[in-house]
């Protein structure tokens, strides 16, 4: 139940740079659940650099979530 509520929240909730949040939204990633459906490779394809991906992963892990596994 708790995770379901978090997953439906807007990515603005994450403590990541505003420019990355705006960029994700431009790529139709507005909710945390949409972000979690992406792999690191997906984010790299969107031209998000590794430091920002690391920050995204840290923020998700603080919520008990992760990016999608690439296997």
N, C-alpha and C. Protein backbone atom coordinates (compact mmCIF):
# COMPACT_ATOMS: atom_id res chain seq x y z
N UNK A 1 0.83 -1.21 0.00
CA UNK A 1 0.00 0.00 0.00
C UNK A 1 0.87 1.26 0.00
N UNK A 2 1.86 1.29 0.88
CA UNK A 2 2.74 2.45 0.98
C UNK A 2 3.47 2.69 -0.33
N UNK A 3 4.03 1.61 -0.91
CA UNK A 3 4.76 1.75 -2.16
C UNK A 3 3.85 2.22 -3.28
N UNK A 4 2.61 1.73 -3.28
CA UNK A 4 1.66 2.12 -4.32
C UNK A 4 1.43 3.63 -4.29
N UNK A 5 1.31 4.19 -3.10
CA UNK A 5 1.11 5.63 -2.95
C UNK A 5 2.33 6.38 -3.48
N UNK A 6 3.52 5.93 -3.11
CA UNK A 6 4.75 6.58 -3.56
C UNK A 6 4.90 6.49 -5.07
N UNK A 7 4.61 5.31 -5.62
CA UNK A 7 4.77 5.10 -7.06
C UNK A 7 3.88 6.03 -7.88
N UNK A 8 2.74 6.40 -7.32
CA UNK A 8 1.82 7.28 -8.04
C UNK A 8 2.12 8.77 -7.85
N UNK A 9 3.14 9.06 -7.06
CA UNK A 9 3.49 10.46 -6.83
C UNK A 9 4.31 11.02 -7.99
N UNK A 10 4.30 12.32 -8.10
CA UNK A 10 5.03 13.02 -9.15
C UNK A 10 6.53 12.96 -8.89
N UNK A 11 7.33 12.95 -9.95
CA UNK A 11 8.79 12.90 -9.78
C UNK A 11 9.34 14.16 -9.11
N UNK A 12 8.54 15.23 -9.03
CA UNK A 12 8.96 16.45 -8.32
C UNK A 12 9.30 16.14 -6.86
N UNK A 13 8.78 15.06 -6.36
CA UNK A 13 9.02 14.66 -4.97
C UNK A 13 10.48 14.27 -4.74
N UNK A 14 11.16 13.84 -5.80
CA UNK A 14 12.54 13.41 -5.68
C UNK A 14 13.49 14.61 -5.57
N UNK A 15 14.52 14.44 -4.78
CA UNK A 15 15.50 15.52 -4.58
C UNK A 15 16.59 15.41 -5.66
N UNK A 16 16.18 15.71 -6.90
CA UNK A 16 17.12 15.73 -8.03
C UNK A 16 16.97 17.09 -8.71
N UNK A 17 17.92 17.42 -9.55
CA UNK A 17 17.93 18.77 -10.13
C UNK A 17 16.66 19.06 -10.94
N UNK A 18 16.25 20.30 -10.88
CA UNK A 18 15.05 20.73 -11.61
C UNK A 18 15.21 20.52 -13.10
N UNK A 19 16.42 20.70 -13.61
CA UNK A 19 16.62 20.51 -15.05
C UNK A 19 16.39 19.06 -15.45
N UNK A 20 16.78 18.12 -14.60
CA UNK A 20 16.55 16.69 -14.90
C UNK A 20 15.07 16.37 -14.78
N UNK A 21 14.41 16.91 -13.78
CA UNK A 21 12.97 16.69 -13.63
C UNK A 21 12.24 17.22 -14.87
N UNK A 22 12.59 18.42 -15.31
CA UNK A 22 11.97 18.99 -16.51
C UNK A 22 12.26 18.12 -17.74
N UNK A 23 13.49 17.66 -17.84
CA UNK A 23 13.88 16.82 -18.98
C UNK A 23 13.12 15.50 -18.98
N UNK A 24 12.98 14.88 -17.81
CA UNK A 24 12.21 13.64 -17.70
C UNK A 24 10.76 13.88 -18.12
N UNK A 25 10.18 14.98 -17.66
CA UNK A 25 8.80 15.29 -18.01
C UNK A 25 8.63 15.50 -19.51
N UNK A 26 9.61 16.13 -20.14
CA UNK A 26 9.55 16.31 -21.60
C UNK A 26 9.59 14.97 -22.33
N UNK A 27 10.13 13.96 -21.64
CA UNK A 27 10.20 12.61 -22.20
C UNK A 27 9.10 11.71 -21.64
N UNK A 28 8.01 12.34 -21.19
CA UNK A 28 6.80 11.65 -20.71
C UNK A 28 7.04 10.77 -19.49
N UNK A 29 7.97 11.18 -18.63
CA UNK A 29 8.18 10.49 -17.36
C UNK A 29 7.82 11.50 -16.28
N UNK A 30 6.59 11.38 -15.78
CA UNK A 30 6.09 12.36 -14.81
C UNK A 30 5.85 11.77 -13.43
N UNK A 31 5.63 10.49 -13.37
CA UNK A 31 5.34 9.81 -12.10
C UNK A 31 6.51 8.91 -11.73
N UNK A 32 6.65 8.65 -10.44
CA UNK A 32 7.74 7.79 -9.97
C UNK A 32 7.63 6.39 -10.58
N UNK A 33 6.39 5.87 -10.74
CA UNK A 33 6.25 4.54 -11.33
C UNK A 33 6.74 4.50 -12.77
N UNK A 34 6.58 5.61 -13.51
CA UNK A 34 7.07 5.67 -14.88
C UNK A 34 8.60 5.67 -14.89
N UNK A 35 9.20 6.35 -13.94
CA UNK A 35 10.65 6.39 -13.84
C UNK A 35 11.20 5.00 -13.50
N UNK A 36 10.54 4.29 -12.58
CA UNK A 36 10.98 2.96 -12.15
C UNK A 36 10.87 1.91 -13.27
N UNK A 37 10.13 2.19 -14.31
CA UNK A 37 10.00 1.27 -15.44
C UNK A 37 11.17 1.38 -16.41
N UNK A 38 12.07 2.32 -16.15
CA UNK A 38 13.23 2.54 -17.00
C UNK A 38 14.47 1.89 -16.41
N UNK A 39 15.34 1.43 -17.29
CA UNK A 39 16.65 0.90 -16.87
C UNK A 39 17.66 2.04 -16.94
N UNK A 40 18.86 1.80 -16.41
CA UNK A 40 19.94 2.77 -16.56
C UNK A 40 20.20 3.05 -18.03
N UNK A 41 20.17 1.97 -18.84
CA UNK A 41 20.42 2.13 -20.28
C UNK A 41 19.37 3.03 -20.92
N UNK A 42 18.12 2.89 -20.48
CA UNK A 42 17.05 3.76 -21.00
C UNK A 42 17.37 5.23 -20.72
N UNK A 43 17.84 5.50 -19.50
CA UNK A 43 18.14 6.88 -19.12
C UNK A 43 19.37 7.39 -19.86
N UNK A 44 20.34 6.52 -20.09
CA UNK A 44 21.52 6.90 -20.87
C UNK A 44 21.10 7.25 -22.30
N UNK A 45 20.17 6.47 -22.85
CA UNK A 45 19.66 6.77 -24.20
C UNK A 45 18.96 8.12 -24.26
N UNK A 46 18.42 8.56 -23.14
CA UNK A 46 17.78 9.88 -23.06
C UNK A 46 18.83 10.98 -22.86
N UNK A 47 20.09 10.58 -22.85
CA UNK A 47 21.22 11.53 -22.70
C UNK A 47 21.31 12.12 -21.29
N UNK A 48 20.92 11.32 -20.30
CA UNK A 48 21.09 11.74 -18.90
C UNK A 48 22.45 11.21 -18.45
N UNK A 49 23.27 12.07 -17.88
CA UNK A 49 24.63 11.65 -17.54
C UNK A 49 24.66 10.75 -16.30
N UNK A 50 25.79 10.06 -16.13
CA UNK A 50 25.90 9.04 -15.09
C UNK A 50 25.77 9.61 -13.68
N UNK A 51 26.22 10.83 -13.47
CA UNK A 51 26.09 11.45 -12.14
C UNK A 51 24.61 11.66 -11.80
N UNK A 52 23.84 12.13 -12.76
CA UNK A 52 22.41 12.34 -12.54
C UNK A 52 21.69 11.00 -12.36
N UNK A 53 22.09 10.00 -13.11
CA UNK A 53 21.48 8.66 -12.95
C UNK A 53 21.77 8.14 -11.55
N UNK A 54 23.00 8.33 -11.08
CA UNK A 54 23.37 7.93 -9.71
C UNK A 54 22.48 8.63 -8.70
N UNK A 55 22.25 9.94 -8.88
CA UNK A 55 21.38 10.71 -7.97
C UNK A 55 19.94 10.20 -8.02
N UNK A 56 19.45 9.89 -9.21
CA UNK A 56 18.10 9.33 -9.36
C UNK A 56 18.00 8.01 -8.61
N UNK A 57 18.99 7.14 -8.82
CA UNK A 57 18.98 5.83 -8.14
C UNK A 57 19.01 6.00 -6.63
N UNK A 58 19.83 6.92 -6.13
CA UNK A 58 19.88 7.16 -4.68
C UNK A 58 18.53 7.61 -4.14
N UNK A 59 17.89 8.53 -4.83
CA UNK A 59 16.59 9.03 -4.38
C UNK A 59 15.54 7.92 -4.37
N UNK A 60 15.56 7.08 -5.40
CA UNK A 60 14.61 5.96 -5.44
C UNK A 60 14.89 4.98 -4.30
N UNK A 61 16.17 4.69 -4.05
CA UNK A 61 16.53 3.75 -2.99
C UNK A 61 16.11 4.25 -1.62
N UNK A 62 16.17 5.56 -1.41
CA UNK A 62 15.70 6.12 -0.14
C UNK A 62 14.21 5.86 0.08
N UNK A 63 13.48 5.66 -1.02
CA UNK A 63 12.05 5.35 -0.94
C UNK A 63 11.79 3.83 -0.99
N UNK A 64 12.87 3.04 -1.05
CA UNK A 64 12.74 1.59 -1.12
C UNK A 64 12.47 1.11 -2.54
N UNK A 65 12.80 1.94 -3.55
CA UNK A 65 12.51 1.62 -4.95
C UNK A 65 13.81 1.57 -5.74
N UNK A 66 13.72 1.08 -6.98
CA UNK A 66 14.87 1.00 -7.87
C UNK A 66 14.43 1.24 -9.29
N UNK A 67 15.42 1.53 -10.14
CA UNK A 67 15.16 1.52 -11.59
C UNK A 67 14.93 0.07 -11.99
N UNK A 68 14.34 -0.14 -13.15
CA UNK A 68 14.11 -1.48 -13.66
C UNK A 68 15.45 -2.17 -13.90
N UNK A 69 15.51 -3.43 -13.54
CA UNK A 69 16.72 -4.21 -13.78
C UNK A 69 16.90 -4.42 -15.28
N UNK A 70 18.13 -4.44 -15.75
CA UNK A 70 18.36 -4.59 -17.18
C UNK A 70 18.39 -6.04 -17.63
N UNK A 71 18.20 -7.00 -16.71
CA UNK A 71 18.14 -8.39 -17.14
C UNK A 71 16.74 -8.87 -17.20
